[in-house]
Amino acid sequence: MAKHSIRGYSALQITLHWAIAILVLFQLLFGESMTAVVDASEEGTAVSGQDQFLGSAHYWVGLGVLGLVLIRLALRVVSGVPQAAGARSWMSVVASATHWAFYALLVAMPVTGLLTYFDVWDLGEVHSLGKPVFIILTLVHAGAALFHAIFLRDGTLRRMIEPVR
């Protein structure tokens, strides 16, 4: 299988992309509730029902992200990915680096969270550093997608919206 022989992403690849994006957004918006739960547990104080619910959701959504990312990575290996727009330019290098940074974070964040949660290894500080990195990567990624759609008009964004037929 040639890595770049495909024209676009499959419906499953697109669905996984957007599902993971939505779950990560949830984690970024409501993840602080897990911190409140952990802090309350360490201090022996009560936690609000909302923080308890959102902390539990953070745990389960994190597991969901990890599972979906593993499926997405396997699908990437099996199906390949389309060639980046401007394939031999600095943009393709940046796009590739950004995608692999996302994959690394999408695996590392749930793993460090789980290791910390189950007191295997205290990686809470490392886990917390992922939030600003995710925000920066997301802004770069979304900005690049909009740049391709508005200025270059090269179909890059369309490939992640419309499945290849």
N, C-alpha and C. Protein backbone atom coordinates (compact mmCIF):
# COMPACT_ATOMS: atom_id res chain seq x y z
N MET A 1 0.84 -1.17 0.00
CA MET A 1 0.00 0.00 0.00
C MET A 1 0.89 1.24 0.00
N ALA A 2 0.66 2.12 -0.94
CA ALA A 2 1.41 3.39 -0.99
C ALA A 2 0.80 4.34 0.03
N LYS A 3 1.67 4.96 0.81
CA LYS A 3 1.20 5.82 1.90
C LYS A 3 0.30 6.93 1.41
N HIS A 4 0.60 7.53 0.27
CA HIS A 4 -0.16 8.67 -0.19
C HIS A 4 -0.96 8.39 -1.45
N SER A 5 -1.32 7.13 -1.68
CA SER A 5 -2.03 6.78 -2.90
C SER A 5 -3.52 7.09 -2.80
N ILE A 6 -4.02 7.43 -1.64
CA ILE A 6 -5.44 7.71 -1.51
C ILE A 6 -5.71 9.20 -1.75
N ARG A 7 -6.93 9.50 -2.19
CA ARG A 7 -7.30 10.88 -2.53
C ARG A 7 -7.83 11.66 -1.35
N GLY A 8 -8.39 10.98 -0.37
CA GLY A 8 -8.99 11.67 0.77
C GLY A 8 -9.19 10.72 1.92
N TYR A 9 -9.88 11.18 2.92
CA TYR A 9 -10.14 10.38 4.11
C TYR A 9 -11.47 9.65 3.99
N SER A 10 -11.55 8.49 4.62
CA SER A 10 -12.80 7.71 4.63
C SER A 10 -13.78 8.33 5.61
N ALA A 11 -15.02 7.91 5.51
CA ALA A 11 -16.05 8.38 6.44
C ALA A 11 -15.67 8.03 7.88
N LEU A 12 -15.08 6.84 8.09
CA LEU A 12 -14.68 6.45 9.44
C LEU A 12 -13.55 7.34 9.95
N GLN A 13 -12.56 7.63 9.11
CA GLN A 13 -11.47 8.52 9.53
C GLN A 13 -11.99 9.90 9.89
N ILE A 14 -12.92 10.41 9.10
CA ILE A 14 -13.49 11.74 9.36
C ILE A 14 -14.30 11.72 10.65
N THR A 15 -15.10 10.68 10.83
CA THR A 15 -15.91 10.57 12.05
C THR A 15 -15.02 10.50 13.28
N LEU A 16 -13.96 9.72 13.21
CA LEU A 16 -13.03 9.62 14.34
C LEU A 16 -12.38 10.98 14.62
N HIS A 17 -11.97 11.68 13.57
CA HIS A 17 -11.35 13.01 13.74
C HIS A 17 -12.26 13.94 14.53
N TRP A 18 -13.50 14.05 14.08
CA TRP A 18 -14.42 15.00 14.71
C TRP A 18 -14.89 14.53 16.08
N ALA A 19 -15.06 13.23 16.26
CA ALA A 19 -15.44 12.71 17.58
C ALA A 19 -14.34 12.99 18.60
N ILE A 20 -13.10 12.74 18.22
CA ILE A 20 -11.98 13.00 19.11
C ILE A 20 -11.88 14.50 19.40
N ALA A 21 -12.07 15.32 18.38
CA ALA A 21 -12.01 16.78 18.57
C ALA A 21 -13.05 17.24 19.59
N ILE A 22 -14.26 16.73 19.49
CA ILE A 22 -15.33 17.10 20.42
C ILE A 22 -15.00 16.62 21.83
N LEU A 23 -14.51 15.40 21.96
CA LEU A 23 -14.16 14.87 23.28
C LEU A 23 -13.00 15.66 23.91
N VAL A 24 -12.02 16.03 23.11
CA VAL A 24 -10.90 16.82 23.63
C VAL A 24 -11.39 18.20 24.06
N LEU A 25 -12.28 18.80 23.30
CA LEU A 25 -12.85 20.08 23.69
C LEU A 25 -13.55 19.97 25.04
N PHE A 26 -14.31 18.90 25.22
CA PHE A 26 -14.96 18.66 26.52
C PHE A 26 -13.91 18.59 27.63
N GLN A 27 -12.84 17.84 27.39
CA GLN A 27 -11.78 17.69 28.39
C GLN A 27 -11.15 19.04 28.73
N LEU A 28 -10.90 19.84 27.71
CA LEU A 28 -10.28 21.16 27.94
C LEU A 28 -11.20 22.08 28.73
N LEU A 29 -12.49 22.02 28.44
CA LEU A 29 -13.45 22.91 29.10
C LEU A 29 -13.78 22.48 30.53
N PHE A 30 -13.85 21.17 30.77
CA PHE A 30 -14.34 20.70 32.06
C PHE A 30 -13.35 19.88 32.87
N GLY A 31 -12.11 19.78 32.40
CA GLY A 31 -11.11 18.96 33.08
C GLY A 31 -10.72 19.43 34.45
N GLU A 32 -10.91 20.71 34.73
CA GLU A 32 -10.54 21.23 36.05
C GLU A 32 -11.36 20.59 37.17
N SER A 33 -12.51 20.04 36.82
CA SER A 33 -13.31 19.36 37.85
C SER A 33 -12.58 18.15 38.40
N MET A 34 -11.79 17.48 37.57
CA MET A 34 -11.00 16.35 38.07
C MET A 34 -9.99 16.84 39.09
N THR A 35 -9.40 18.00 38.85
CA THR A 35 -8.46 18.58 39.81
C THR A 35 -9.17 18.85 41.13
N ALA A 36 -10.40 19.36 41.07
CA ALA A 36 -11.17 19.62 42.28
C ALA A 36 -11.45 18.33 43.04
N VAL A 37 -11.75 17.26 42.33
CA VAL A 37 -12.02 15.96 42.95
C VAL A 37 -10.76 15.42 43.62
N VAL A 38 -9.64 15.48 42.92
CA VAL A 38 -8.37 14.98 43.46
C VAL A 38 -7.96 15.80 44.68
N ASP A 39 -8.05 17.13 44.57
CA ASP A 39 -7.69 17.99 45.70
C ASP A 39 -8.57 17.71 46.91
N ALA A 40 -9.87 17.56 46.70
CA ALA A 40 -10.79 17.27 47.80
C ALA A 40 -10.46 15.93 48.44
N SER A 41 -10.10 14.95 47.63
CA SER A 41 -9.74 13.63 48.15
C SER A 41 -8.48 13.71 49.00
N GLU A 42 -7.49 14.45 48.52
CA GLU A 42 -6.23 14.59 49.26
C GLU A 42 -6.41 15.37 50.55
N GLU A 43 -7.31 16.36 50.55
CA GLU A 43 -7.53 17.20 51.72
C GLU A 43 -8.60 16.65 52.65
N GLY A 44 -9.31 15.62 52.21
CA GLY A 44 -10.38 15.04 53.02
C GLY A 44 -11.60 15.93 53.12
N THR A 45 -11.82 16.75 52.09
CA THR A 45 -12.98 17.64 52.08
C THR A 45 -14.01 17.13 51.08
N ALA A 46 -15.21 17.70 51.19
CA ALA A 46 -16.29 17.31 50.29
C ALA A 46 -16.11 17.98 48.94
N VAL A 47 -16.62 17.33 47.93
CA VAL A 47 -16.59 17.86 46.57
C VAL A 47 -18.03 18.06 46.11
N SER A 48 -18.26 19.09 45.32
CA SER A 48 -19.62 19.36 44.84
C SER A 48 -20.08 18.23 43.92
N GLY A 49 -21.38 18.08 43.82
CA GLY A 49 -21.94 17.07 42.94
C GLY A 49 -21.56 17.32 41.49
N GLN A 50 -21.51 18.58 41.11
CA GLN A 50 -21.14 18.93 39.74
C GLN A 50 -19.69 18.53 39.46
N ASP A 51 -18.78 18.86 40.39
CA ASP A 51 -17.38 18.48 40.19
C ASP A 51 -17.22 16.97 40.20
N GLN A 52 -17.98 16.28 41.05
CA GLN A 52 -17.90 14.82 41.07
C GLN A 52 -18.34 14.23 39.74
N PHE A 53 -19.46 14.74 39.21
CA PHE A 53 -19.96 14.26 37.92
C PHE A 53 -18.97 14.55 36.80
N LEU A 54 -18.48 15.80 36.73
CA LEU A 54 -17.57 16.19 35.67
C LEU A 54 -16.21 15.52 35.82
N GLY A 55 -15.77 15.27 37.06
CA GLY A 55 -14.53 14.55 37.28
C GLY A 55 -14.64 13.12 36.78
N SER A 56 -15.78 12.49 37.07
CA SER A 56 -16.01 11.14 36.58
C SER A 56 -16.10 11.14 35.05
N ALA A 57 -16.77 12.12 34.49
CA ALA A 57 -16.87 12.23 33.04
C ALA A 57 -15.48 12.42 32.42
N HIS A 58 -14.62 13.20 33.08
CA HIS A 58 -13.26 13.43 32.58
C HIS A 58 -12.51 12.10 32.46
N TYR A 59 -12.66 11.26 33.46
CA TYR A 59 -12.03 9.94 33.47
C TYR A 59 -12.52 9.11 32.27
N TRP A 60 -13.84 9.00 32.12
CA TRP A 60 -14.40 8.15 31.08
C TRP A 60 -14.20 8.72 29.68
N VAL A 61 -14.30 10.02 29.54
CA VAL A 61 -14.04 10.65 28.24
C VAL A 61 -12.57 10.45 27.86
N GLY A 62 -11.68 10.56 28.84
CA GLY A 62 -10.26 10.31 28.58
C GLY A 62 -10.02 8.91 28.06
N LEU A 63 -10.69 7.93 28.67
CA LEU A 63 -10.58 6.54 28.17
C LEU A 63 -11.13 6.44 26.75
N GLY A 64 -12.23 7.13 26.50
CA GLY A 64 -12.81 7.14 25.15
C GLY A 64 -11.86 7.74 24.13
N VAL A 65 -11.22 8.85 24.49
CA VAL A 65 -10.24 9.47 23.60
C VAL A 65 -9.12 8.49 23.28
N LEU A 66 -8.59 7.86 24.31
CA LEU A 66 -7.50 6.91 24.11
C LEU A 66 -7.92 5.78 23.17
N GLY A 67 -9.09 5.21 23.40
CA GLY A 67 -9.57 4.13 22.54
C GLY A 67 -9.76 4.57 21.10
N LEU A 68 -10.39 5.72 20.92
CA LEU A 68 -10.62 6.21 19.55
C LEU A 68 -9.32 6.57 18.85
N VAL A 69 -8.36 7.11 19.58
CA VAL A 69 -7.07 7.45 18.97
C VAL A 69 -6.33 6.20 18.54
N LEU A 70 -6.39 5.16 19.36
CA LEU A 70 -5.74 3.91 18.98
C LEU A 70 -6.37 3.33 17.71
N ILE A 71 -7.68 3.42 17.62
CA ILE A 71 -8.37 2.97 16.40
C ILE A 71 -7.94 3.85 15.22
N ARG A 72 -7.88 5.15 15.44
CA ARG A 72 -7.49 6.07 14.36
C ARG A 72 -6.06 5.80 13.89
N LEU A 73 -5.16 5.56 14.82
CA LEU A 73 -3.78 5.26 14.44
C LEU A 73 -3.69 3.95 13.65
N ALA A 74 -4.43 2.94 14.10
CA ALA A 74 -4.44 1.66 13.37
C ALA A 74 -4.99 1.85 11.96
N LEU A 75 -6.05 2.62 11.85
CA LEU A 75 -6.65 2.90 10.55
C LEU A 75 -5.68 3.68 9.66
N ARG A 76 -4.92 4.57 10.27
CA ARG A 76 -3.92 5.34 9.51
C ARG A 76 -2.85 4.41 8.94
N VAL A 77 -2.43 3.44 9.74
CA VAL A 77 -1.41 2.49 9.30
C VAL A 77 -1.97 1.62 8.17
N VAL A 78 -3.19 1.15 8.33
CA VAL A 78 -3.80 0.25 7.35
C VAL A 78 -4.21 0.99 6.07
N SER A 79 -4.85 2.14 6.21
CA SER A 79 -5.42 2.85 5.07
C SER A 79 -4.53 3.93 4.48
N GLY A 80 -3.60 4.43 5.26
CA GLY A 80 -2.77 5.54 4.80
C GLY A 80 -3.49 6.86 4.93
N VAL A 81 -2.85 7.90 4.46
CA VAL A 81 -3.42 9.24 4.49
C VAL A 81 -3.15 9.90 3.15
N PRO A 82 -4.00 10.85 2.77
CA PRO A 82 -3.74 11.53 1.51
C PRO A 82 -2.51 12.43 1.62
N GLN A 83 -1.91 12.69 0.49
CA GLN A 83 -0.74 13.56 0.44
C GLN A 83 -1.16 14.96 0.86
N ALA A 84 -0.32 15.61 1.65
CA ALA A 84 -0.59 16.97 2.09
C ALA A 84 -0.57 17.92 0.90
N ALA A 85 -1.38 18.97 1.01
CA ALA A 85 -1.34 20.01 -0.03
C ALA A 85 0.05 20.65 0.00
N GLY A 86 0.58 20.95 -1.16
CA GLY A 86 1.94 21.51 -1.21
C GLY A 86 2.94 20.50 -0.69
N ALA A 87 2.85 19.27 -1.19
CA ALA A 87 3.53 18.11 -0.62
C ALA A 87 5.02 18.29 -0.35
N ARG A 88 5.71 19.08 -1.12
CA ARG A 88 7.15 19.20 -0.90
C ARG A 88 7.51 20.53 -0.25
N SER A 89 6.56 21.17 0.35
CA SER A 89 6.82 22.48 0.93
C SER A 89 6.99 22.38 2.45
N TRP A 90 7.37 23.50 3.04
CA TRP A 90 7.51 23.58 4.49
C TRP A 90 6.17 23.32 5.16
N MET A 91 5.07 23.62 4.46
CA MET A 91 3.75 23.41 5.04
C MET A 91 3.48 21.93 5.31
N SER A 92 3.93 21.07 4.43
CA SER A 92 3.69 19.64 4.64
C SER A 92 4.52 19.13 5.83
N VAL A 93 5.70 19.68 6.01
CA VAL A 93 6.53 19.30 7.16
C VAL A 93 5.84 19.74 8.46
N VAL A 94 5.36 20.99 8.48
CA VAL A 94 4.67 21.50 9.67
C VAL A 94 3.38 20.71 9.91
N ALA A 95 2.64 20.41 8.85
CA ALA A 95 1.40 19.64 8.99
C ALA A 95 1.69 18.26 9.59
N SER A 96 2.71 17.60 9.07
CA SER A 96 3.07 16.28 9.58
C SER A 96 3.50 16.35 11.05
N ALA A 97 4.33 17.32 11.38
CA ALA A 97 4.79 17.48 12.77
C ALA A 97 3.61 17.77 13.69
N THR A 98 2.69 18.60 13.25
CA THR A 98 1.52 18.93 14.06
C THR A 98 0.65 17.70 14.28
N HIS A 99 0.42 16.93 13.21
CA HIS A 99 -0.40 15.73 13.37
C HIS A 99 0.23 14.73 14.34
N TRP A 100 1.54 14.51 14.22
CA TRP A 100 2.19 13.55 15.12
C TRP A 100 2.25 14.08 16.55
N ALA A 101 2.36 15.40 16.71
CA ALA A 101 2.30 15.98 18.06
C ALA A 101 0.92 15.75 18.67
N PHE A 102 -0.13 15.91 17.85
CA PHE A 102 -1.48 15.62 18.33
C PHE A 102 -1.59 14.15 18.75
N TYR A 103 -1.13 13.23 17.91
CA TYR A 103 -1.22 11.82 18.25
C TYR A 103 -0.46 11.52 19.55
N ALA A 104 0.72 12.09 19.69
CA ALA A 104 1.50 11.87 20.92
C ALA A 104 0.73 12.38 22.14
N LEU A 105 0.16 13.57 22.04
CA LEU A 105 -0.62 14.11 23.16
C LEU A 105 -1.88 13.30 23.42
N LEU A 106 -2.53 12.88 22.34
CA LEU A 106 -3.78 12.13 22.48
C LEU A 106 -3.57 10.77 23.13
N VAL A 107 -2.37 10.26 23.09
CA VAL A 107 -2.04 9.02 23.81
C VAL A 107 -1.48 9.35 25.19
N ALA A 108 -0.56 10.33 25.24
CA ALA A 108 0.12 10.65 26.49
C ALA A 108 -0.82 11.22 27.55
N MET A 109 -1.75 12.04 27.16
CA MET A 109 -2.64 12.65 28.16
C MET A 109 -3.48 11.61 28.91
N PRO A 110 -4.19 10.73 28.22
CA PRO A 110 -4.95 9.73 28.97
C PRO A 110 -4.05 8.79 29.79
N VAL A 111 -2.89 8.43 29.23
CA VAL A 111 -2.00 7.52 29.95
C VAL A 111 -1.45 8.18 31.21
N THR A 112 -0.98 9.43 31.11
CA THR A 112 -0.47 10.11 32.30
C THR A 112 -1.58 10.36 33.31
N GLY A 113 -2.78 10.65 32.81
CA GLY A 113 -3.92 10.83 33.71
C GLY A 113 -4.24 9.54 34.46
N LEU A 114 -4.26 8.42 33.75
CA LEU A 114 -4.55 7.13 34.39
C LEU A 114 -3.47 6.74 35.39
N LEU A 115 -2.21 6.92 35.01
CA LEU A 115 -1.11 6.57 35.93
C LEU A 115 -1.18 7.40 37.21
N THR A 116 -1.55 8.66 37.07
CA THR A 116 -1.68 9.52 38.24
C THR A 116 -2.92 9.14 39.05
N TYR A 117 -4.03 8.93 38.38
CA TYR A 117 -5.29 8.60 39.06
C TYR A 117 -5.17 7.34 39.90
N PHE A 118 -4.48 6.34 39.37
CA PHE A 118 -4.34 5.07 40.09
C PHE A 118 -3.08 5.01 40.94
N ASP A 119 -2.45 6.15 41.18
CA ASP A 119 -1.27 6.24 42.04
C ASP A 119 -0.14 5.31 41.62
N VAL A 120 -0.02 5.06 40.33
CA VAL A 120 1.08 4.25 39.82
C VAL A 120 2.33 5.10 39.74
N TRP A 121 2.14 6.32 39.24
CA TRP A 121 3.25 7.24 39.05
C TRP A 121 2.66 8.64 39.02
N ASP A 122 3.16 9.54 39.82
CA ASP A 122 2.58 10.88 39.89
C ASP A 122 3.06 11.72 38.71
N LEU A 123 2.23 11.76 37.69
CA LEU A 123 2.52 12.55 36.50
C LEU A 123 1.50 13.67 36.32
N GLY A 124 0.90 14.08 37.45
CA GLY A 124 -0.13 15.11 37.40
C GLY A 124 0.37 16.41 36.80
N GLU A 125 1.59 16.80 37.14
CA GLU A 125 2.14 18.05 36.58
C GLU A 125 2.37 17.91 35.07
N VAL A 126 2.88 16.78 34.66
CA VAL A 126 3.09 16.52 33.22
C VAL A 126 1.74 16.53 32.51
N HIS A 127 0.75 15.87 33.12
CA HIS A 127 -0.58 15.82 32.56
C HIS A 127 -1.15 17.23 32.40
N SER A 128 -0.95 18.07 33.39
CA SER A 128 -1.47 19.44 33.35
C SER A 128 -0.82 20.29 32.26
N LEU A 129 0.42 19.99 31.94
CA LEU A 129 1.11 20.74 30.89
C LEU A 129 0.51 20.50 29.50
N GLY A 130 -0.21 19.41 29.37
CA GLY A 130 -0.81 19.09 28.08
C GLY A 130 -1.90 20.05 27.66
N LYS A 131 -2.60 20.65 28.62
CA LYS A 131 -3.71 21.54 28.27
C LYS A 131 -3.25 22.73 27.44
N PRO A 132 -2.27 23.52 27.87
CA PRO A 132 -1.87 24.64 27.01
C PRO A 132 -1.27 24.18 25.67
N VAL A 133 -0.60 23.03 25.68
CA VAL A 133 -0.05 22.51 24.42
C VAL A 133 -1.19 22.15 23.47
N PHE A 134 -2.23 21.51 23.99
CA PHE A 134 -3.40 21.18 23.17
C PHE A 134 -4.04 22.44 22.60
N ILE A 135 -4.16 23.47 23.43
CA ILE A 135 -4.79 24.71 22.97
C ILE A 135 -3.97 25.33 21.84
N ILE A 136 -2.66 25.39 22.02
CA ILE A 136 -1.79 25.97 20.98
C ILE A 136 -1.86 25.14 19.70
N LEU A 137 -1.73 23.83 19.83
CA LEU A 137 -1.80 22.97 18.63
C LEU A 137 -3.14 23.09 17.92
N THR A 138 -4.21 23.17 18.69
CA THR A 138 -5.54 23.29 18.11
C THR A 138 -5.68 24.60 17.35
N LEU A 139 -5.18 25.68 17.92
CA LEU A 139 -5.24 26.97 17.23
C LEU A 139 -4.42 26.96 15.95
N VAL A 140 -3.23 26.36 15.99
CA VAL A 140 -2.40 26.24 14.79
C VAL A 140 -3.12 25.39 13.75
N HIS A 141 -3.65 24.26 14.17
CA HIS A 141 -4.33 23.32 13.28
C HIS A 141 -5.55 23.96 12.62
N ALA A 142 -6.41 24.58 13.44
CA ALA A 142 -7.61 25.22 12.90
C ALA A 142 -7.25 26.41 12.03
N GLY A 143 -6.26 27.17 12.45
CA GLY A 143 -5.81 28.31 11.64
C GLY A 143 -5.29 27.87 10.29
N ALA A 144 -4.51 26.79 10.28
CA ALA A 144 -3.98 26.28 9.02
C ALA A 144 -5.11 25.77 8.13
N ALA A 145 -6.09 25.09 8.72
CA ALA A 145 -7.23 24.58 7.93
C ALA A 145 -7.99 25.75 7.30
N LEU A 146 -8.21 26.80 8.07
CA LEU A 146 -8.90 27.97 7.53
C LEU A 146 -8.06 28.68 6.47
N PHE A 147 -6.76 28.76 6.67
CA PHE A 147 -5.85 29.36 5.68
C PHE A 147 -5.94 28.60 4.36
N HIS A 148 -5.92 27.28 4.46
CA HIS A 148 -6.04 26.45 3.25
C HIS A 148 -7.39 26.67 2.57
N ALA A 149 -8.45 26.77 3.37
CA ALA A 149 -9.80 26.92 2.80
C ALA A 149 -10.03 28.30 2.22
N ILE A 150 -9.57 29.34 2.90
CA ILE A 150 -9.90 30.71 2.49
C ILE A 150 -8.89 31.27 1.47
N PHE A 151 -7.62 31.05 1.73
CA PHE A 151 -6.61 31.69 0.88
C PHE A 151 -6.05 30.76 -0.21
N LEU A 152 -5.71 29.54 0.15
CA LEU A 152 -5.14 28.63 -0.84
C LEU A 152 -6.20 27.93 -1.67
N ARG A 153 -7.36 27.71 -1.08
CA ARG A 153 -8.49 27.05 -1.76
C ARG A 153 -8.05 25.75 -2.43
N ASP A 154 -7.32 24.94 -1.66
CA ASP A 154 -6.74 23.72 -2.22
C ASP A 154 -7.48 22.43 -1.82
N GLY A 155 -8.61 22.57 -1.13
CA GLY A 155 -9.41 21.41 -0.79
C GLY A 155 -8.96 20.67 0.46
N THR A 156 -7.97 21.19 1.16
CA THR A 156 -7.47 20.50 2.35
C THR A 156 -8.56 20.33 3.41
N LEU A 157 -9.28 21.38 3.72
CA LEU A 157 -10.34 21.30 4.73
C LEU A 157 -11.47 20.40 4.25
N ARG A 158 -11.80 20.49 2.98
CA ARG A 158 -12.89 19.67 2.43
C ARG A 158 -12.63 18.17 2.63
N ARG A 159 -11.33 17.78 2.59
CA ARG A 159 -11.00 16.36 2.76
C ARG A 159 -11.37 15.83 4.14
N MET A 160 -11.47 16.73 5.14
CA MET A 160 -11.82 16.29 6.48
C MET A 160 -13.32 16.52 6.77
N ILE A 161 -14.04 16.92 5.74
CA ILE A 161 -15.48 17.11 5.88
C ILE A 161 -16.24 16.14 5.00
N GLU A 162 -15.75 15.95 3.78
CA GLU A 162 -16.41 15.07 2.81
C GLU A 162 -15.58 13.81 2.61
N PRO A 163 -16.15 12.64 2.89
CA PRO A 163 -15.38 11.41 2.68
C PRO A 163 -15.13 11.15 1.20
N VAL A 164 -14.01 10.50 0.95
CA VAL A 164 -13.66 10.11 -0.42
C VAL A 164 -14.64 9.03 -0.86
N ARG A 165 -15.01 9.06 -2.09
CA ARG A 165 -15.96 8.07 -2.62
C ARG A 165 -15.25 7.10 -3.51
